[in-house]
Amino acid sequence: MHLPEQRASFVVSAAERERVAQTLCLHFAADNLDMEELDARLSHVYIARAPAELQSLLSDLPMLDSDKLDPGTALLAPSAVVPPRGVIMAFMGGVARKGRWLIPRQLKVWAMMGGAELDLREGKFAPGVTEIDVTVLMGGVEITVPNGVRVEVMGAAFMGGFEADAGDSEALDPSQPVLRVTGLAIMGGVEVKVRHPGKKTLRRFEAAVDASKRAAEIGGAQ
């Protein structure tokens, strides 16, 4: 009586095949596979007869960097380790802050006859609201925000600009961080934007998805 259940446990579902195919595509986009290796593995995805055989196609690949593949994840750091305040100043010169850093809950940015670049994509936010107050005089400030952060911009400009091309209206969950940018730009500019994945990465991923579809068509015809 248990034989049908035992046989069912060795059946590979269409959803599982698709999951492995998509994972292989992500590895290709992350440069863990070249096109030839991708094609070879995809051809086996749709003819695999057992789950173990399917999983073997992923077993030798490194763990995917979830921060890079999904910029909306892993954005938060524990409140206790995030600095409560911070200051960044650019006076007749330039300053940049990027990479992996803890973004203070309240950050003041001054740019006077100079420029400041803040890249928050690899930074860690405290839970709740993070405030960046910007003062610009004959200079400029550029703030790059990752997906998954709700952005509120309430700045003003005099003979300058205070622009935002970010907001992420889908980041409405209370657990997701909120970035509030305020301040004044006089004869200068402030720009808040989301930088999407590069064209090269998108082209590689689209090519991988196309290869996956072709392999699925071939597998379905067999």
C-alpha atoms as a PDB file:
ATOM      1  CA  MET A   1       0.000   0.000   0.000  1.00  0.00           C
ATOM      2  CA  HIS A   2       2.960   2.330   0.529  1.00  0.00           C
ATOM      3  CA  LEU A   3       4.486   1.697  -2.894  1.00  0.00           C
ATOM      4  CA  PRO A   4       2.662   4.557  -4.683  1.00  0.00           C
ATOM      5  CA  GLU A   5       3.899   7.031  -2.044  1.00  0.00           C
ATOM      6  CA  GLN A   6       7.484   5.759  -2.389  1.00  0.00           C
ATOM      7  CA  ARG A   7       7.365   6.136  -6.140  1.00  0.00           C
ATOM      8  CA  ALA A   8       5.895   9.642  -5.814  1.00  0.00           C
ATOM      9  CA  SER A   9       8.835  10.730  -3.646  1.00  0.00           C
ATOM     10  CA  PHE A  10      11.156  10.167  -6.614  1.00  0.00           C
ATOM     11  CA  VAL A  11       9.069  12.180  -9.071  1.00  0.00           C
ATOM     12  CA  VAL A  12      10.617  15.510 -10.153  1.00  0.00           C
ATOM     13  CA  SER A  13       7.947  18.226 -10.349  1.00  0.00           C
ATOM     14  CA  ALA A  14       7.822  20.905 -13.012  1.00  0.00           C
ATOM     15  CA  ALA A  15       8.096  23.567 -10.316  1.00  0.00           C
ATOM     16  CA  GLU A  16      11.312  22.014  -8.988  1.00  0.00           C
ATOM     17  CA  ARG A  17      12.812  21.885 -12.472  1.00  0.00           C
ATOM     18  CA  GLU A  18      11.942  25.556 -12.963  1.00  0.00           C
ATOM     19  CA  ARG A  19      13.468  26.500  -9.604  1.00  0.00           C
ATOM     20  CA  VAL A  20      16.768  24.824 -10.472  1.00  0.00           C
ATOM     21  CA  ALA A  21      16.750  26.361 -13.967  1.00  0.00           C
ATOM     22  CA  GLN A  22      16.236  29.854 -12.511  1.00  0.00           C
ATOM     23  CA  THR A  23      18.996  29.269  -9.957  1.00  0.00           C
ATOM     24  CA  LEU A  24      21.380  28.276 -12.742  1.00  0.00           C
ATOM     25  CA  CYS A  25      20.432  31.472 -14.575  1.00  0.00           C
ATOM     26  CA  LEU A  26      21.314  33.503 -11.476  1.00  0.00           C
ATOM     27  CA  HIS A  27      24.697  31.749 -11.260  1.00  0.00           C
ATOM     28  CA  PHE A  28      25.316  32.642 -14.899  1.00  0.00           C
ATOM     29  CA  ALA A  29      24.450  36.295 -14.221  1.00  0.00           C
ATOM     30  CA  ALA A  30      26.859  36.193 -11.246  1.00  0.00           C
ATOM     31  CA  ASP A  31      29.688  34.831 -13.472  1.00  0.00           C
ATOM     32  CA  ASN A  32      29.761  31.453 -11.738  1.00  0.00           C
ATOM     33  CA  LEU A  33      28.984  29.715 -15.045  1.00  0.00           C
ATOM     34  CA  ASP A  34      29.812  30.488 -18.657  1.00  0.00           C
ATOM     35  CA  MET A  35      27.278  30.031 -21.442  1.00  0.00           C
ATOM     36  CA  GLU A  36      28.576  26.610 -22.424  1.00  0.00           C
ATOM     37  CA  GLU A  37      28.340  25.319 -18.846  1.00  0.00           C
ATOM     38  CA  LEU A  38      24.890  26.840 -18.471  1.00  0.00           C
ATOM     39  CA  ASP A  39      23.610  25.165 -21.630  1.00  0.00           C
ATOM     40  CA  ALA A  40      25.010  21.809 -20.533  1.00  0.00           C
ATOM     41  CA  ARG A  41      23.385  21.972 -17.100  1.00  0.00           C
ATOM     42  CA  LEU A  42      20.070  23.250 -18.409  1.00  0.00           C
ATOM     43  CA  SER A  43      19.897  20.349 -20.833  1.00  0.00           C
ATOM     44  CA  HIS A  44      20.061  18.002 -17.847  1.00  0.00           C
ATOM     45  CA  VAL A  45      17.466  19.931 -15.821  1.00  0.00           C
ATOM     46  CA  TYR A  46      14.640  18.804 -18.074  1.00  0.00           C
ATOM     47  CA  ILE A  47      15.683  15.151 -18.372  1.00  0.00           C
ATOM     48  CA  ALA A  48      16.566  14.512 -14.724  1.00  0.00           C
ATOM     49  CA  ARG A  49      14.522  11.611 -13.325  1.00  0.00           C
ATOM     50  CA  ALA A  50      15.161  12.025  -9.584  1.00  0.00           C
ATOM     51  CA  PRO A  51      15.452  15.001  -7.178  1.00  0.00           C
ATOM     52  CA  ALA A  52      18.998  13.986  -6.231  1.00  0.00           C
ATOM     53  CA  GLU A  53      20.040  14.069  -9.863  1.00  0.00           C
ATOM     54  CA  LEU A  54      18.508  17.536 -10.194  1.00  0.00           C
ATOM     55  CA  GLN A  55      20.219  18.883  -7.066  1.00  0.00           C
ATOM     56  CA  SER A  56      23.591  17.585  -8.261  1.00  0.00           C
ATOM     57  CA  LEU A  57      23.489  20.307 -10.931  1.00  0.00           C
ATOM     58  CA  LEU A  58      23.839  22.911  -8.145  1.00  0.00           C
ATOM     59  CA  SER A  59      25.968  21.065  -5.595  1.00  0.00           C
ATOM     60  CA  ASP A  60      29.369  22.319  -6.837  1.00  0.00           C
ATOM     61  CA  LEU A  61      28.344  25.974  -7.209  1.00  0.00           C
ATOM     62  CA  PRO A  62      29.098  28.644  -4.576  1.00  0.00           C
ATOM     63  CA  MET A  63      26.417  30.247  -2.450  1.00  0.00           C
ATOM     64  CA  LEU A  64      24.718  33.133  -4.230  1.00  0.00           C
ATOM     65  CA  ASP A  65      25.241  36.625  -2.826  1.00  0.00           C
ATOM     66  CA  SER A  66      21.666  37.491  -1.899  1.00  0.00           C
ATOM     67  CA  ASP A  67      22.547  41.158  -1.312  1.00  0.00           C
ATOM     68  CA  LYS A  68      23.564  41.583  -4.935  1.00  0.00           C
ATOM     69  CA  LEU A  69      20.838  39.440  -6.491  1.00  0.00           C
ATOM     70  CA  ASP A  70      18.079  40.963  -4.435  1.00  0.00           C
ATOM     71  CA  PRO A  71      18.981  44.488  -3.302  1.00  0.00           C
ATOM     72  CA  GLY A  72      15.850  44.588  -1.115  1.00  0.00           C
ATOM     73  CA  THR A  73      17.213  42.028   1.353  1.00  0.00           C
ATOM     74  CA  ALA A  74      19.640  42.188   4.290  1.00  0.00           C
ATOM     75  CA  LEU A  75      19.377  45.971   4.676  1.00  0.00           C
ATOM     76  CA  LEU A  76      19.102  46.166   8.460  1.00  0.00           C
ATOM     77  CA  ALA A  77      21.642  46.128  11.264  1.00  0.00           C
ATOM     78  CA  PRO A  78      20.856  45.841  15.009  1.00  0.00           C
ATOM     79  CA  SER A  79      19.984  49.223  16.529  1.00  0.00           C
ATOM     80  CA  ALA A  80      22.708  48.857  19.159  1.00  0.00           C
ATOM     81  CA  VAL A  81      25.551  48.893  16.597  1.00  0.00           C
ATOM     82  CA  VAL A  82      24.297  51.757  14.394  1.00  0.00           C
ATOM     83  CA  PRO A  83      25.811  55.182  15.246  1.00  0.00           C
ATOM     84  CA  PRO A  84      23.134  57.630  16.412  1.00  0.00           C
ATOM     85  CA  ARG A  85      24.704  60.579  14.562  1.00  0.00           C
ATOM     86  CA  GLY A  86      27.283  61.324  11.890  1.00  0.00           C
ATOM     87  CA  VAL A  87      28.689  64.215   9.835  1.00  0.00           C
ATOM     88  CA  ILE A  88      30.122  64.303   6.316  1.00  0.00           C
ATOM     89  CA  MET A  89      31.698  67.526   5.005  1.00  0.00           C
ATOM     90  CA  ALA A  90      32.985  68.542   1.581  1.00  0.00           C
ATOM     91  CA  PHE A  91      34.557  72.032   1.498  1.00  0.00           C
ATOM     92  CA  MET A  92      36.131  73.071  -1.815  1.00  0.00           C
ATOM     93  CA  GLY A  93      36.685  69.408  -2.594  1.00  0.00           C
ATOM     94  CA  GLY A  94      35.004  66.034  -2.803  1.00  0.00           C
ATOM     95  CA  VAL A  95      34.156  63.246  -0.410  1.00  0.00           C
ATOM     96  CA  ALA A  96      32.665  59.803  -1.053  1.00  0.00           C
ATOM     97  CA  ARG A  97      31.197  57.189   1.259  1.00  0.00           C
ATOM     98  CA  LYS A  98      30.463  53.795  -0.214  1.00  0.00           C
ATOM     99  CA  GLY A  99      30.898  50.087   0.345  1.00  0.00           C
ATOM    100  CA  ARG A 100      29.810  48.273   3.506  1.00  0.00           C
ATOM    101  CA  TRP A 101      29.157  50.819   6.228  1.00  0.00           C
ATOM    102  CA  LEU A 102      26.746  51.523   9.074  1.00  0.00           C
ATOM    103  CA  ILE A 103      24.546  54.469   8.123  1.00  0.00           C
ATOM    104  CA  PRO A 104      23.982  56.746  11.150  1.00  0.00           C
ATOM    105  CA  ARG A 105      20.399  57.296  12.213  1.00  0.00           C
ATOM    106  CA  GLN A 106      20.893  61.042  11.821  1.00  0.00           C
ATOM    107  CA  LEU A 107      23.473  62.062   9.229  1.00  0.00           C
ATOM    108  CA  LYS A 108      24.335  65.684   8.415  1.00  0.00           C
ATOM    109  CA  VAL A 109      25.945  66.355   5.047  1.00  0.00           C
ATOM    110  CA  TRP A 110      27.603  69.675   4.190  1.00  0.00           C
ATOM    111  CA  ALA A 111      28.833  70.472   0.676  1.00  0.00           C
ATOM    112  CA  MET A 112      30.233  73.971   0.178  1.00  0.00           C
ATOM    113  CA  MET A 113      31.863  74.594  -3.176  1.00  0.00           C
ATOM    114  CA  GLY A 114      32.411  70.841  -3.270  1.00  0.00           C
ATOM    115  CA  GLY A 115      30.657  67.548  -3.736  1.00  0.00           C
ATOM    116  CA  ALA A 116      29.635  64.529  -1.679  1.00  0.00           C
ATOM    117  CA  GLU A 117      28.699  61.074  -2.969  1.00  0.00           C
ATOM    118  CA  LEU A 118      26.838  58.701  -0.650  1.00  0.00           C
ATOM    119  CA  ASP A 119      26.302  55.162  -1.936  1.00  0.00           C
ATOM    120  CA  LEU A 120      23.956  53.341   0.455  1.00  0.00           C
ATOM    121  CA  ARG A 121      23.506  50.143  -1.577  1.00  0.00           C
ATOM    122  CA  GLU A 122      25.884  48.067   0.556  1.00  0.00           C
ATOM    123  CA  GLY A 123      25.266  49.981   3.760  1.00  0.00           C
ATOM    124  CA  LYS A 124      23.240  48.809   6.738  1.00  0.00           C
ATOM    125  CA  PHE A 125      20.304  50.797   8.081  1.00  0.00           C
ATOM    126  CA  ALA A 126      18.940  50.889  11.595  1.00  0.00           C
ATOM    127  CA  PRO A 127      15.329  49.701  11.922  1.00  0.00           C
ATOM    128  CA  GLY A 128      12.824  52.499  11.462  1.00  0.00           C
ATOM    129  CA  VAL A 129      13.643  55.942  10.087  1.00  0.00           C
ATOM    130  CA  THR A 130      17.107  57.114   9.014  1.00  0.00           C
ATOM    131  CA  GLU A 131      17.425  60.872   8.482  1.00  0.00           C
ATOM    132  CA  ILE A 132      19.903  62.610   6.185  1.00  0.00           C
ATOM    133  CA  ASP A 133      19.934  66.401   6.441  1.00  0.00           C
ATOM    134  CA  VAL A 134      21.749  68.045   3.532  1.00  0.00           C
ATOM    135  CA  THR A 135      23.064  71.597   3.225  1.00  0.00           C
ATOM    136  CA  VAL A 136      24.540  72.544  -0.150  1.00  0.00           C
ATOM    137  CA  LEU A 137      26.096  75.877  -1.140  1.00  0.00           C
ATOM    138  CA  MET A 138      27.487  76.047  -4.675  1.00  0.00           C
ATOM    139  CA  GLY A 139      28.078  72.299  -4.633  1.00  0.00           C
ATOM    140  CA  GLY A 140      26.335  68.989  -5.058  1.00  0.00           C
ATOM    141  CA  VAL A 141      25.303  65.847  -3.184  1.00  0.00           C
ATOM    142  CA  GLU A 142      24.390  62.522  -4.787  1.00  0.00           C
ATOM    143  CA  ILE A 143      22.689  59.808  -2.734  1.00  0.00           C
ATOM    144  CA  THR A 144      22.265  56.313  -4.195  1.00  0.00           C
ATOM    145  CA  VAL A 145      19.641  54.166  -2.484  1.00  0.00           C
ATOM    146  CA  PRO A 146      19.039  50.396  -2.761  1.00  0.00           C
ATOM    147  CA  ASN A 147      15.700  48.871  -3.653  1.00  0.00           C
ATOM    148  CA  GLY A 148      13.599  47.944  -0.660  1.00  0.00           C
ATOM    149  CA  VAL A 149      13.994  51.288   1.130  1.00  0.00           C
ATOM    150  CA  ARG A 150      11.105  53.741   1.280  1.00  0.00           C
ATOM    151  CA  VAL A 151      12.407  57.235   0.533  1.00  0.00           C
ATOM    152  CA  GLU A 152      10.827  60.473   1.724  1.00  0.00           C
ATOM    153  CA  VAL A 153      12.341  63.690   0.322  1.00  0.00           C
ATOM    154  CA  MET A 154      11.386  67.045   1.847  1.00  0.00           C
ATOM    155  CA  GLY A 155      14.122  69.398   0.665  1.00  0.00           C
ATOM    156  CA  ALA A 156      14.102  72.893  -0.811  1.00  0.00           C
ATOM    157  CA  ALA A 157      16.283  74.649  -3.367  1.00  0.00           C
ATOM    158  CA  PHE A 158      17.160  78.256  -4.193  1.00  0.00           C
ATOM    159  CA  MET A 159      18.742  78.745  -7.625  1.00  0.00           C
ATOM    160  CA  GLY A 160      19.463  75.034  -7.580  1.00  0.00           C
ATOM    161  CA  GLY A 161      17.753  71.654  -7.498  1.00  0.00           C
ATOM    162  CA  PHE A 162      16.551  69.064  -4.997  1.00  0.00           C
ATOM    163  CA  GLU A 163      15.570  65.992  -7.007  1.00  0.00           C
ATOM    164  CA  ALA A 164      14.469  62.473  -6.143  1.00  0.00           C
ATOM    165  CA  ASP A 165      14.175  59.508  -8.495  1.00  0.00           C
ATOM    166  CA  ALA A 166      13.574  57.042  -5.676  1.00  0.00           C
ATOM    167  CA  GLY A 167      10.713  56.113  -3.455  1.00  0.00           C
ATOM    168  CA  ASP A 168      10.051  52.381  -3.683  1.00  0.00           C
ATOM    169  CA  SER A 169       6.317  52.426  -3.114  1.00  0.00           C
ATOM    170  CA  GLU A 170       6.461  48.637  -2.671  1.00  0.00           C
ATOM    171  CA  ALA A 171       8.568  48.986   0.503  1.00  0.00           C
ATOM    172  CA  LEU A 172       5.578  49.432   2.776  1.00  0.00           C
ATOM    173  CA  ASP A 173       6.259  46.678   5.281  1.00  0.00           C
ATOM    174  CA  PRO A 174       6.909  48.136   8.779  1.00  0.00           C
ATOM    175  CA  SER A 175      10.093  46.057   9.014  1.00  0.00           C
ATOM    176  CA  GLN A 176      11.651  47.778   5.993  1.00  0.00           C
ATOM    177  CA  PRO A 177      13.838  50.857   6.548  1.00  0.00           C
ATOM    178  CA  VAL A 178      12.719  54.396   5.742  1.00  0.00           C
ATOM    179  CA  LEU A 179      15.150  57.053   4.493  1.00  0.00           C
ATOM    180  CA  ARG A 180      14.090  60.660   5.071  1.00  0.00           C
ATOM    181  CA  VAL A 181      16.137  63.285   3.190  1.00  0.00           C
ATOM    182  CA  THR A 182      15.710  66.932   4.132  1.00  0.00           C
ATOM    183  CA  GLY A 183      17.716  70.096   3.684  1.00  0.00           C
ATOM    184  CA  LEU A 184      18.466  73.094   1.501  1.00  0.00           C
ATOM    185  CA  ALA A 185      20.391  73.529  -1.744  1.00  0.00           C
ATOM    186  CA  ILE A 186      21.544  77.045  -2.630  1.00  0.00           C
ATOM    187  CA  MET A 187      23.083  77.448  -6.081  1.00  0.00           C
ATOM    188  CA  GLY A 188      23.715  73.729  -6.005  1.00  0.00           C
ATOM    189  CA  GLY A 189      21.987  70.405  -6.275  1.00  0.00           C
ATOM    190  CA  VAL A 190      20.903  67.310  -4.366  1.00  0.00           C
ATOM    191  CA  GLU A 191      19.966  64.107  -6.192  1.00  0.00           C
ATOM    192  CA  VAL A 192      18.471  60.994  -4.588  1.00  0.00           C
ATOM    193  CA  LYS A 193      18.234  57.995  -6.905  1.00  0.00           C
ATOM    194  CA  VAL A 194      18.009  54.234  -7.151  1.00  0.00           C
ATOM    195  CA  ARG A 195      20.714  52.639  -9.262  1.00  0.00           C
ATOM    196  CA  HIS A 196      19.325  49.599 -11.020  1.00  0.00           C
ATOM    197  CA  PRO A 197      21.421  46.587 -12.092  1.00  0.00           C
ATOM    198  CA  GLY A 198      23.877  47.334 -14.886  1.00  0.00           C
ATOM    199  CA  LYS A 199      22.994  46.663 -18.502  1.00  0.00           C
ATOM    200  CA  LYS A 200      25.665  43.963 -18.756  1.00  0.00           C
ATOM    201  CA  THR A 201      24.157  41.985 -15.862  1.00  0.00           C
ATOM    202  CA  LEU A 202      20.654  42.376 -17.275  1.00  0.00           C
ATOM    203  CA  ARG A 203      21.767  41.187 -20.719  1.00  0.00           C
ATOM    204  CA  ARG A 204      23.478  38.151 -19.205  1.00  0.00           C
ATOM    205  CA  PHE A 205      20.413  37.255 -17.163  1.00  0.00           C
ATOM    206  CA  GLU A 206      18.078  37.695 -20.160  1.00  0.00           C
ATOM    207  CA  ALA A 207      20.336  35.439 -22.228  1.00  0.00           C
ATOM    208  CA  ALA A 208      20.276  32.840 -19.453  1.00  0.00           C
ATOM    209  CA  VAL A 209      16.479  32.939 -19.241  1.00  0.00           C
ATOM    210  CA  ASP A 210      16.237  32.500 -23.016  1.00  0.00           C
ATOM    211  CA  ALA A 211      18.552  29.497 -22.797  1.00  0.00           C
ATOM    212  CA  SER A 212      16.388  28.066 -20.010  1.00  0.00           C
ATOM    213  CA  LYS A 213      13.267  28.416 -22.150  1.00  0.00           C
ATOM    214  CA  ARG A 214      14.949  26.706 -25.102  1.00  0.00           C
ATOM    215  CA  ALA A 215      16.071  23.835 -22.879  1.00  0.00           C
ATOM    216  CA  ALA A 216      12.534  23.501 -21.514  1.00  0.00           C
ATOM    217  CA  GLU A 217      11.108  23.307 -25.031  1.00  0.00           C
ATOM    218  CA  ILE A 218      13.645  20.640 -26.004  1.00  0.00           C
ATOM    219  CA  GLY A 219      12.987  18.685 -22.799  1.00  0.00           C
ATOM    220  CA  GLY A 220       9.230  18.860 -23.334  1.00  0.00           C
ATOM    221  CA  ALA A 221       9.540  17.561 -26.871  1.00  0.00           C
ATOM    222  CA  GLN A 222      11.452  14.476 -25.756  1.00  0.00           C
END
